[in-house]
């Protein structure tokens, strides 16, 4: 009887502790999504309509914008992955890896707006980059307000979010597996390919999610660094809500973006949690 009562008390405690979480989930996750769905079914005049949804999927402008957003997000993700994986592997082998981890985290504490304005100063016509180009005889170049500048700054900002999960995943690999690989005659490259890479794929997936999904909806950088020449889904949402006041269309794009994010999370999720090495 005492065991039953104690079990019920633990269950009541779990409900009490989970209540704030459910309140937060309802108010700040589910409610905004339902509001977006409701708003997407309204015209600019407030009448019920499916016009926003039909317009999105039949408009070349919106479809090309979606493709462009995927293109930019994919490029940013690939570049950050190419840079992050070797860097994370090297940093996990250093003596002061915790110091490097802290230095990697520190830039994420700086507001993205401050970073953007810092890069505006660096890449502008009178910035340090153009002064260096003029010094070596190349002359001034239009770097700011281009696709290149947008991709450069976005890659820099997203880099820690790719490197951290990869670094953590590599750091958690049992050192005895790597040692066994070397004992069996495998060189460093084979060990990385057959042991370290498969065992660190969870970190790679987490990094892809952490970089690709936010990159789909970047809008501040497109305005400050891209000069509104780079148009993404995030930019379109901002324009519809703040400029054209077409909340229905902005909500429709927001719903599409949420669905795309869930699809990306599903595709990059680990279906089987298995710790082991490659059989190839």
C-alpha atoms as a PDB file:
ATOM      1  CA  UNK A   1       0.000   0.000   0.000  1.00  0.00           C
ATOM      2  CA  UNK A   2       2.876   2.347   0.821  1.00  0.00           C
ATOM      3  CA  UNK A   3       4.540   1.543  -2.507  1.00  0.00           C
ATOM      4  CA  UNK A   4       1.339   2.409  -4.384  1.00  0.00           C
ATOM      5  CA  UNK A   5       0.990   5.693  -2.502  1.00  0.00           C
ATOM      6  CA  UNK A   6       4.627   6.607  -3.095  1.00  0.00           C
ATOM      7  CA  UNK A   7       4.252   5.806  -6.797  1.00  0.00           C
ATOM      8  CA  UNK A   8       1.200   8.056  -7.027  1.00  0.00           C
ATOM      9  CA  UNK A   9       3.047  10.844  -5.217  1.00  0.00           C
ATOM     10  CA  UNK A  10       5.925  10.600  -7.694  1.00  0.00           C
ATOM     11  CA  UNK A  11       3.433  10.759 -10.564  1.00  0.00           C
ATOM     12  CA  UNK A  12       1.827  13.850  -9.037  1.00  0.00           C
ATOM     13  CA  UNK A  13       5.241  15.447  -8.668  1.00  0.00           C
ATOM     14  CA  UNK A  14       6.007  14.718 -12.338  1.00  0.00           C
ATOM     15  CA  UNK A  15       2.753  16.398 -13.367  1.00  0.00           C
ATOM     16  CA  UNK A  16       3.561  19.448 -11.238  1.00  0.00           C
ATOM     17  CA  UNK A  17       7.068  19.733 -12.690  1.00  0.00           C
ATOM     18  CA  UNK A  18       5.841  19.238 -16.263  1.00  0.00           C
ATOM     19  CA  UNK A  19       3.011  21.773 -15.973  1.00  0.00           C
ATOM     20  CA  UNK A  20       5.194  24.870 -16.684  1.00  0.00           C
ATOM     21  CA  UNK A  21       6.636  23.083 -19.719  1.00  0.00           C
ATOM     22  CA  UNK A  22       3.179  22.348 -21.126  1.00  0.00           C
ATOM     23  CA  UNK A  23       2.085  25.952 -20.487  1.00  0.00           C
ATOM     24  CA  UNK A  24       5.190  27.208 -22.330  1.00  0.00           C
ATOM     25  CA  UNK A  25       4.598  24.725 -25.168  1.00  0.00           C
ATOM     26  CA  UNK A  26       0.975  25.786 -25.610  1.00  0.00           C
ATOM     27  CA  UNK A  27       1.554  29.548 -25.350  1.00  0.00           C
ATOM     28  CA  UNK A  28       4.761  29.923 -27.348  1.00  0.00           C
ATOM     29  CA  UNK A  29       4.759  26.970 -29.784  1.00  0.00           C
ATOM     30  CA  UNK A  30       1.291  25.616 -30.512  1.00  0.00           C
ATOM     31  CA  UNK A  31      -0.655  28.886 -30.203  1.00  0.00           C
ATOM     32  CA  UNK A  32       1.575  30.815 -32.659  1.00  0.00           C
ATOM     33  CA  UNK A  33       1.381  27.948 -35.164  1.00  0.00           C
ATOM     34  CA  UNK A  34      -2.419  27.866 -34.957  1.00  0.00           C
ATOM     35  CA  UNK A  35      -2.508  31.650 -35.337  1.00  0.00           C
ATOM     36  CA  UNK A  36      -0.360  31.377 -38.458  1.00  0.00           C
ATOM     37  CA  UNK A  37      -2.662  28.704 -39.896  1.00  0.00           C
ATOM     38  CA  UNK A  38      -5.719  30.838 -39.127  1.00  0.00           C
ATOM     39  CA  UNK A  39      -4.141  33.978 -40.575  1.00  0.00           C
ATOM     40  CA  UNK A  40      -3.037  32.150 -43.730  1.00  0.00           C
ATOM     41  CA  UNK A  41      -6.689  31.401 -44.499  1.00  0.00           C
ATOM     42  CA  UNK A  42      -7.610  35.097 -44.503  1.00  0.00           C
ATOM     43  CA  UNK A  43      -7.313  37.534 -47.377  1.00  0.00           C
ATOM     44  CA  UNK A  44      -5.867  41.014 -46.989  1.00  0.00           C
ATOM     45  CA  UNK A  45      -9.462  42.193 -46.399  1.00  0.00           C
ATOM     46  CA  UNK A  46     -10.053  39.610 -43.651  1.00  0.00           C
ATOM     47  CA  UNK A  47     -12.252  37.251 -45.711  1.00  0.00           C
ATOM     48  CA  UNK A  48     -11.845  33.470 -45.555  1.00  0.00           C
ATOM     49  CA  UNK A  49      -9.941  32.209 -48.608  1.00  0.00           C
ATOM     50  CA  UNK A  50      -7.503  29.622 -49.934  1.00  0.00           C
ATOM     51  CA  UNK A  51      -6.025  32.171 -52.307  1.00  0.00           C
ATOM     52  CA  UNK A  52      -2.803  32.598 -50.331  1.00  0.00           C
ATOM     53  CA  UNK A  53      -1.993  28.886 -50.462  1.00  0.00           C
ATOM     54  CA  UNK A  54      -2.880  28.589 -54.151  1.00  0.00           C
ATOM     55  CA  UNK A  55      -0.901  31.704 -54.978  1.00  0.00           C
ATOM     56  CA  UNK A  56       2.199  30.403 -53.221  1.00  0.00           C
ATOM     57  CA  UNK A  57       2.240  27.057 -55.030  1.00  0.00           C
ATOM     58  CA  UNK A  58       1.357  28.514 -58.443  1.00  0.00           C
ATOM     59  CA  UNK A  59       3.591  31.589 -58.404  1.00  0.00           C
ATOM     60  CA  UNK A  60       6.984  31.342 -60.090  1.00  0.00           C
ATOM     61  CA  UNK A  61       8.216  34.136 -57.826  1.00  0.00           C
ATOM     62  CA  UNK A  62       7.507  32.281 -54.579  1.00  0.00           C
ATOM     63  CA  UNK A  63       8.705  28.926 -55.897  1.00  0.00           C
ATOM     64  CA  UNK A  64      11.954  30.415 -57.181  1.00  0.00           C
ATOM     65  CA  UNK A  65      12.359  32.198 -53.837  1.00  0.00           C
ATOM     66  CA  UNK A  66      11.963  28.858 -52.046  1.00  0.00           C
ATOM     67  CA  UNK A  67      14.521  27.237 -54.347  1.00  0.00           C
ATOM     68  CA  UNK A  68      16.899  30.148 -53.804  1.00  0.00           C
ATOM     69  CA  UNK A  69      16.501  29.855 -50.028  1.00  0.00           C
ATOM     70  CA  UNK A  70      17.357  26.135 -50.210  1.00  0.00           C
ATOM     71  CA  UNK A  71      20.331  26.952 -52.424  1.00  0.00           C
ATOM     72  CA  UNK A  72      21.721  29.530 -50.016  1.00  0.00           C
ATOM     73  CA  UNK A  73      21.049  27.363 -46.953  1.00  0.00           C
ATOM     74  CA  UNK A  74      22.614  24.344 -48.643  1.00  0.00           C
ATOM     75  CA  UNK A  75      25.726  26.283 -49.640  1.00  0.00           C
ATOM     76  CA  UNK A  76      26.150  27.719 -46.132  1.00  0.00           C
ATOM     77  CA  UNK A  77      25.684  24.261 -44.592  1.00  0.00           C
ATOM     78  CA  UNK A  78      28.161  22.552 -46.936  1.00  0.00           C
ATOM     79  CA  UNK A  79      30.846  25.209 -46.463  1.00  0.00           C
ATOM     80  CA  UNK A  80      30.483  25.205 -42.675  1.00  0.00           C
ATOM     81  CA  UNK A  81      30.646  21.390 -42.653  1.00  0.00           C
ATOM     82  CA  UNK A  82      33.786  21.333 -44.820  1.00  0.00           C
ATOM     83  CA  UNK A  83      35.470  23.821 -42.488  1.00  0.00           C
ATOM     84  CA  UNK A  84      34.083  22.498 -39.206  1.00  0.00           C
ATOM     85  CA  UNK A  85      34.799  18.775 -39.410  1.00  0.00           C
ATOM     86  CA  UNK A  86      38.593  18.966 -39.895  1.00  0.00           C
ATOM     87  CA  UNK A  87      38.802  21.852 -37.423  1.00  0.00           C
ATOM     88  CA  UNK A  88      36.744  19.958 -34.820  1.00  0.00           C
ATOM     89  CA  UNK A  89      38.879  16.842 -35.285  1.00  0.00           C
ATOM     90  CA  UNK A  90      42.105  18.811 -34.830  1.00  0.00           C
ATOM     91  CA  UNK A  91      40.792  20.705 -31.800  1.00  0.00           C
ATOM     92  CA  UNK A  92      39.772  17.475 -30.034  1.00  0.00           C
ATOM     93  CA  UNK A  93      43.391  16.315 -30.339  1.00  0.00           C
ATOM     94  CA  UNK A  94      44.868  19.465 -28.802  1.00  0.00           C
ATOM     95  CA  UNK A  95      46.010  19.671 -25.215  1.00  0.00           C
ATOM     96  CA  UNK A  96      43.791  22.628 -24.264  1.00  0.00           C
ATOM     97  CA  UNK A  97      40.603  21.587 -26.048  1.00  0.00           C
ATOM     98  CA  UNK A  98      38.364  23.043 -23.322  1.00  0.00           C
ATOM     99  CA  UNK A  99      39.961  26.439 -23.903  1.00  0.00           C
ATOM    100  CA  UNK A 100      39.320  26.126 -27.631  1.00  0.00           C
ATOM    101  CA  UNK A 101      35.735  25.092 -26.892  1.00  0.00           C
ATOM    102  CA  UNK A 102      35.249  28.227 -24.803  1.00  0.00           C
ATOM    103  CA  UNK A 103      36.768  30.420 -27.542  1.00  0.00           C
ATOM    104  CA  UNK A 104      34.398  28.786 -30.001  1.00  0.00           C
ATOM    105  CA  UNK A 105      31.376  29.532 -27.821  1.00  0.00           C
ATOM    106  CA  UNK A 106      32.289  33.161 -27.079  1.00  0.00           C
ATOM    107  CA  UNK A 107      31.335  34.593 -30.524  1.00  0.00           C
ATOM    108  CA  UNK A 108      27.833  33.144 -30.154  1.00  0.00           C
ATOM    109  CA  UNK A 109      27.295  35.447 -27.159  1.00  0.00           C
ATOM    110  CA  UNK A 110      27.671  38.516 -29.387  1.00  0.00           C
ATOM    111  CA  UNK A 111      24.436  39.829 -30.884  1.00  0.00           C
ATOM    112  CA  UNK A 112      24.058  39.050 -34.584  1.00  0.00           C
ATOM    113  CA  UNK A 113      23.263  42.714 -35.263  1.00  0.00           C
ATOM    114  CA  UNK A 114      26.627  43.782 -33.852  1.00  0.00           C
ATOM    115  CA  UNK A 115      28.380  41.178 -35.983  1.00  0.00           C
ATOM    116  CA  UNK A 116      26.560  42.411 -39.081  1.00  0.00           C
ATOM    117  CA  UNK A 117      27.567  46.037 -38.468  1.00  0.00           C
ATOM    118  CA  UNK A 118      31.154  44.957 -37.826  1.00  0.00           C
ATOM    119  CA  UNK A 119      31.246  43.235 -41.216  1.00  0.00           C
ATOM    120  CA  UNK A 120      29.683  46.321 -42.841  1.00  0.00           C
ATOM    121  CA  UNK A 121      32.731  48.261 -41.646  1.00  0.00           C
ATOM    122  CA  UNK A 122      35.141  45.568 -42.815  1.00  0.00           C
ATOM    123  CA  UNK A 123      33.620  45.004 -46.283  1.00  0.00           C
ATOM    124  CA  UNK A 124      32.598  48.576 -47.154  1.00  0.00           C
ATOM    125  CA  UNK A 125      34.333  50.729 -49.783  1.00  0.00           C
ATOM    126  CA  UNK A 126      36.485  52.330 -47.084  1.00  0.00           C
ATOM    127  CA  UNK A 127      36.827  49.132 -45.062  1.00  0.00           C
ATOM    128  CA  UNK A 128      39.964  47.165 -44.251  1.00  0.00           C
ATOM    129  CA  UNK A 129      39.412  44.612 -47.038  1.00  0.00           C
ATOM    130  CA  UNK A 130      39.241  47.257 -49.770  1.00  0.00           C
ATOM    131  CA  UNK A 131      42.189  49.122 -48.274  1.00  0.00           C
ATOM    132  CA  UNK A 132      44.211  45.908 -48.448  1.00  0.00           C
ATOM    133  CA  UNK A 133      43.120  45.307 -52.059  1.00  0.00           C
ATOM    134  CA  UNK A 134      44.160  48.854 -52.930  1.00  0.00           C
ATOM    135  CA  UNK A 135      47.509  48.333 -51.173  1.00  0.00           C
ATOM    136  CA  UNK A 136      48.366  45.255 -53.267  1.00  0.00           C
ATOM    137  CA  UNK A 137      47.317  47.005 -56.467  1.00  0.00           C
ATOM    138  CA  UNK A 138      43.959  45.367 -57.178  1.00  0.00           C
ATOM    139  CA  UNK A 139      41.918  48.438 -56.306  1.00  0.00           C
ATOM    140  CA  UNK A 140      38.510  48.895 -54.714  1.00  0.00           C
ATOM    141  CA  UNK A 141      35.875  46.237 -55.324  1.00  0.00           C
ATOM    142  CA  UNK A 142      32.178  46.137 -54.549  1.00  0.00           C
ATOM    143  CA  UNK A 143      32.133  43.454 -51.845  1.00  0.00           C
ATOM    144  CA  UNK A 144      29.330  44.637 -49.584  1.00  0.00           C
ATOM    145  CA  UNK A 145      25.722  44.186 -50.771  1.00  0.00           C
ATOM    146  CA  UNK A 146      26.564  41.142 -52.891  1.00  0.00           C
ATOM    147  CA  UNK A 147      25.720  37.440 -52.739  1.00  0.00           C
ATOM    148  CA  UNK A 148      29.333  36.741 -51.799  1.00  0.00           C
ATOM    149  CA  UNK A 149      29.255  39.049 -48.771  1.00  0.00           C
ATOM    150  CA  UNK A 150      25.956  37.553 -47.589  1.00  0.00           C
ATOM    151  CA  UNK A 151      27.251  33.980 -47.862  1.00  0.00           C
ATOM    152  CA  UNK A 152      30.557  34.922 -46.214  1.00  0.00           C
ATOM    153  CA  UNK A 153      28.948  36.565 -43.180  1.00  0.00           C
ATOM    154  CA  UNK A 154      26.238  33.901 -42.841  1.00  0.00           C
ATOM    155  CA  UNK A 155      28.872  31.146 -42.954  1.00  0.00           C
ATOM    156  CA  UNK A 156      30.939  32.897 -40.289  1.00  0.00           C
ATOM    157  CA  UNK A 157      27.924  33.308 -37.994  1.00  0.00           C
ATOM    158  CA  UNK A 158      26.732  29.710 -38.401  1.00  0.00           C
ATOM    159  CA  UNK A 159      30.191  28.123 -38.103  1.00  0.00           C
ATOM    160  CA  UNK A 160      30.173  27.563 -34.293  1.00  0.00           C
ATOM    161  CA  UNK A 161      26.756  25.871 -34.488  1.00  0.00           C
ATOM    162  CA  UNK A 162      28.186  23.297 -36.875  1.00  0.00           C
ATOM    163  CA  UNK A 163      31.511  22.829 -35.132  1.00  0.00           C
ATOM    164  CA  UNK A 164      30.260  22.389 -31.561  1.00  0.00           C
ATOM    165  CA  UNK A 165      28.096  19.256 -32.039  1.00  0.00           C
ATOM    166  CA  UNK A 166      30.759  17.658 -34.253  1.00  0.00           C
ATOM    167  CA  UNK A 167      33.426  18.405 -31.677  1.00  0.00           C
ATOM    168  CA  UNK A 168      31.287  16.926 -28.906  1.00  0.00           C
ATOM    169  CA  UNK A 169      30.543  13.799 -30.969  1.00  0.00           C
ATOM    170  CA  UNK A 170      34.216  13.186 -31.775  1.00  0.00           C
ATOM    171  CA  UNK A 171      35.189  13.827 -28.163  1.00  0.00           C
ATOM    172  CA  UNK A 172      32.722  11.161 -26.962  1.00  0.00           C
ATOM    173  CA  UNK A 173      34.213   8.392 -29.142  1.00  0.00           C
ATOM    174  CA  UNK A 174      35.848   5.696 -27.067  1.00  0.00           C
ATOM    175  CA  UNK A 175      39.614   6.090 -27.442  1.00  0.00           C
ATOM    176  CA  UNK A 176      40.059   2.312 -27.282  1.00  0.00           C
ATOM    177  CA  UNK A 177      38.248   1.958 -30.641  1.00  0.00           C
ATOM    178  CA  UNK A 178      40.706   4.326 -32.297  1.00  0.00           C
ATOM    179  CA  UNK A 179      43.615   2.552 -30.656  1.00  0.00           C
ATOM    180  CA  UNK A 180      42.273  -0.824 -31.802  1.00  0.00           C
ATOM    181  CA  UNK A 181      42.007   0.512 -35.351  1.00  0.00           C
ATOM    182  CA  UNK A 182      45.685   1.493 -35.321  1.00  0.00           C
ATOM    183  CA  UNK A 183      46.652  -1.851 -33.744  1.00  0.00           C
ATOM    184  CA  UNK A 184      44.908  -3.635 -36.618  1.00  0.00           C
ATOM    185  CA  UNK A 185      47.073  -1.770 -39.124  1.00  0.00           C
ATOM    186  CA  UNK A 186      44.789   1.073 -40.167  1.00  0.00           C
ATOM    187  CA  UNK A 187      46.445   4.391 -40.952  1.00  0.00           C
ATOM    188  CA  UNK A 188      45.081   7.756 -39.793  1.00  0.00           C
ATOM    189  CA  UNK A 189      42.923   8.336 -42.886  1.00  0.00           C
ATOM    190  CA  UNK A 190      41.401   4.836 -42.714  1.00  0.00           C
ATOM    191  CA  UNK A 191      40.677   5.288 -39.004  1.00  0.00           C
ATOM    192  CA  UNK A 192      38.919   8.578 -39.692  1.00  0.00           C
ATOM    193  CA  UNK A 193      36.938   7.085 -42.570  1.00  0.00           C
ATOM    194  CA  UNK A 194      35.959   3.778 -40.975  1.00  0.00           C
ATOM    195  CA  UNK A 195      35.775   4.592 -37.265  1.00  0.00           C
ATOM    196  CA  UNK A 196      35.648   8.284 -36.394  1.00  0.00           C
ATOM    197  CA  UNK A 197      33.355   9.480 -39.192  1.00  0.00           C
ATOM    198  CA  UNK A 198      30.615   6.836 -38.673  1.00  0.00           C
ATOM    199  CA  UNK A 199      30.663   7.338 -34.908  1.00  0.00           C
ATOM    200  CA  UNK A 200      30.458  11.122 -35.213  1.00  0.00           C
ATOM    201  CA  UNK A 201      27.546  11.204 -37.668  1.00  0.00           C
ATOM    202  CA  UNK A 202      25.131  12.167 -34.885  1.00  0.00           C
ATOM    203  CA  UNK A 203      27.141  15.336 -34.412  1.00  0.00           C
ATOM    204  CA  UNK A 204      27.139  15.980 -38.163  1.00  0.00           C
ATOM    205  CA  UNK A 205      23.348  15.565 -38.305  1.00  0.00           C
ATOM    206  CA  UNK A 206      22.873  17.892 -35.347  1.00  0.00           C
ATOM    207  CA  UNK A 207      25.170  20.440 -36.969  1.00  0.00           C
ATOM    208  CA  UNK A 208      23.265  20.269 -40.257  1.00  0.00           C
ATOM    209  CA  UNK A 209      19.994  20.858 -38.423  1.00  0.00           C
ATOM    210  CA  UNK A 210      21.477  23.729 -36.410  1.00  0.00           C
ATOM    211  CA  UNK A 211      22.808  25.457 -39.545  1.00  0.00           C
ATOM    212  CA  UNK A 212      20.488  24.570 -42.430  1.00  0.00           C
ATOM    213  CA  UNK A 213      17.189  25.307 -40.675  1.00  0.00           C
ATOM    214  CA  UNK A 214      18.065  28.845 -39.447  1.00  0.00           C
ATOM    215  CA  UNK A 215      19.741  29.598 -42.797  1.00  0.00           C
ATOM    216  CA  UNK A 216      16.411  29.063 -44.551  1.00  0.00           C
ATOM    217  CA  UNK A 217      14.877  32.010 -42.749  1.00  0.00           C
ATOM    218  CA  UNK A 218      17.703  34.559 -42.578  1.00  0.00           C
ATOM    219  CA  UNK A 219      16.370  38.051 -43.170  1.00  0.00           C
ATOM    220  CA  UNK A 220      18.445  40.511 -41.155  1.00  0.00           C
ATOM    221  CA  UNK A 221      21.642  39.651 -43.028  1.00  0.00           C
ATOM    222  CA  UNK A 222      19.881  39.847 -46.381  1.00  0.00           C
ATOM    223  CA  UNK A 223      18.987  43.463 -45.584  1.00  0.00           C
ATOM    224  CA  UNK A 224      22.189  44.654 -43.864  1.00  0.00           C
ATOM    225  CA  UNK A 225      24.826  42.640 -45.738  1.00  0.00           C
ATOM    226  CA  UNK A 226      23.024  41.656 -48.942  1.00  0.00           C
ATOM    227  CA  UNK A 227      21.390  45.049 -49.387  1.00  0.00           C
ATOM    228  CA  UNK A 228      18.021  43.403 -50.150  1.00  0.00           C
ATOM    229  CA  UNK A 229      19.580  41.888 -53.274  1.00  0.00           C
ATOM    230  CA  UNK A 230      19.399  38.480 -51.621  1.00  0.00           C
ATOM    231  CA  UNK A 231      15.789  37.362 -51.186  1.00  0.00           C
ATOM    232  CA  UNK A 232      14.925  34.400 -48.959  1.00  0.00           C
ATOM    233  CA  UNK A 233      11.760  33.072 -47.350  1.00  0.00           C
ATOM    234  CA  UNK A 234      12.605  34.993 -44.184  1.00  0.00           C
ATOM    235  CA  UNK A 235      12.907  38.212 -46.196  1.00  0.00           C
ATOM    236  CA  UNK A 236       9.524  37.579 -47.847  1.00  0.00           C
ATOM    237  CA  UNK A 237       7.853  37.012 -44.464  1.00  0.00           C
ATOM    238  CA  UNK A 238       9.325  40.250 -43.113  1.00  0.00           C
ATOM    239  CA  UNK A 239       8.196  42.211 -46.190  1.00  0.00           C
ATOM    240  CA  UNK A 240       4.622  40.874 -46.068  1.00  0.00           C
ATOM    241  CA  UNK A 241       4.189  41.558 -42.359  1.00  0.00           C
ATOM    242  CA  UNK A 242       5.956  44.921 -42.092  1.00  0.00           C
ATOM    243  CA  UNK A 243       5.750  46.494 -45.554  1.00  0.00           C
ATOM    244  CA  UNK A 244       2.822  45.210 -47.633  1.00  0.00           C
ATOM    245  CA  UNK A 245       0.750  44.381 -44.519  1.00  0.00           C
ATOM    246  CA  UNK A 246      -0.417  41.185 -46.237  1.00  0.00           C
ATOM    247  CA  UNK A 247      -0.407  39.056 -43.107  1.00  0.00           C
ATOM    248  CA  UNK A 248      -2.230  36.203 -44.809  1.00  0.00           C
ATOM    249  CA  UNK A 249       0.527  35.686 -47.375  1.00  0.00           C
ATOM    250  CA  UNK A 250       3.224  36.177 -44.763  1.00  0.00           C
ATOM    251  CA  UNK A 251       1.566  33.554 -42.557  1.00  0.00           C
ATOM    252  CA  UNK A 252       1.320  31.157 -45.507  1.00  0.00           C
ATOM    253  CA  UNK A 253       5.050  31.454 -46.182  1.00  0.00           C
ATOM    254  CA  UNK A 254       5.666  31.001 -42.456  1.00  0.00           C
ATOM    255  CA  UNK A 255       3.665  27.752 -42.433  1.00  0.00           C
ATOM    256  CA  UNK A 256       5.551  26.517 -45.507  1.00  0.00           C
ATOM    257  CA  UNK A 257       8.823  27.338 -43.760  1.00  0.00           C
ATOM    258  CA  UNK A 258       7.787  25.418 -40.627  1.00  0.00           C
ATOM    259  CA  UNK A 259       6.812  22.391 -42.733  1.00  0.00           C
ATOM    260  CA  UNK A 260      10.138  22.536 -44.579  1.00  0.00           C
ATOM    261  CA  UNK A 261      11.973  22.669 -41.251  1.00  0.00           C
ATOM    262  CA  UNK A 262      10.155  19.570 -40.005  1.00  0.00           C
ATOM    263  CA  UNK A 263      11.011  17.765 -43.254  1.00  0.00           C
ATOM    264  CA  UNK A 264      14.698  18.671 -42.886  1.00  0.00           C
ATOM    265  CA  UNK A 265      14.671  17.497 -39.256  1.00  0.00           C
ATOM    266  CA  UNK A 266      13.061  14.208 -40.296  1.00  0.00           C
ATOM    267  CA  UNK A 267      15.552  13.623 -43.101  1.00  0.00           C
ATOM    268  CA  UNK A 268      18.554  14.363 -40.891  1.00  0.00           C
ATOM    269  CA  UNK A 269      17.318  12.506 -37.805  1.00  0.00           C
ATOM    270  CA  UNK A 270      19.080   9.332 -36.749  1.00  0.00           C
ATOM    271  CA  UNK A 271      16.655   6.477 -37.382  1.00  0.00           C
ATOM    272  CA  UNK A 272      18.763   3.872 -35.621  1.00  0.00           C
ATOM    273  CA  UNK A 273      20.864   4.689 -32.609  1.00  0.00           C
ATOM    274  CA  UNK A 274      23.742   2.317 -32.949  1.00  0.00           C
ATOM    275  CA  UNK A 275      27.303   2.692 -31.792  1.00  0.00           C
ATOM    276  CA  UNK A 276      29.646   0.856 -34.055  1.00  0.00           C
ATOM    277  CA  UNK A 277      32.076   1.202 -36.895  1.00  0.00           C
ATOM    278  CA  UNK A 278      31.662   0.864 -40.626  1.00  0.00           C
ATOM    279  CA  UNK A 279      31.537  -2.648 -41.995  1.00  0.00           C
ATOM    280  CA  UNK A 280      32.978  -1.650 -45.358  1.00  0.00           C
END
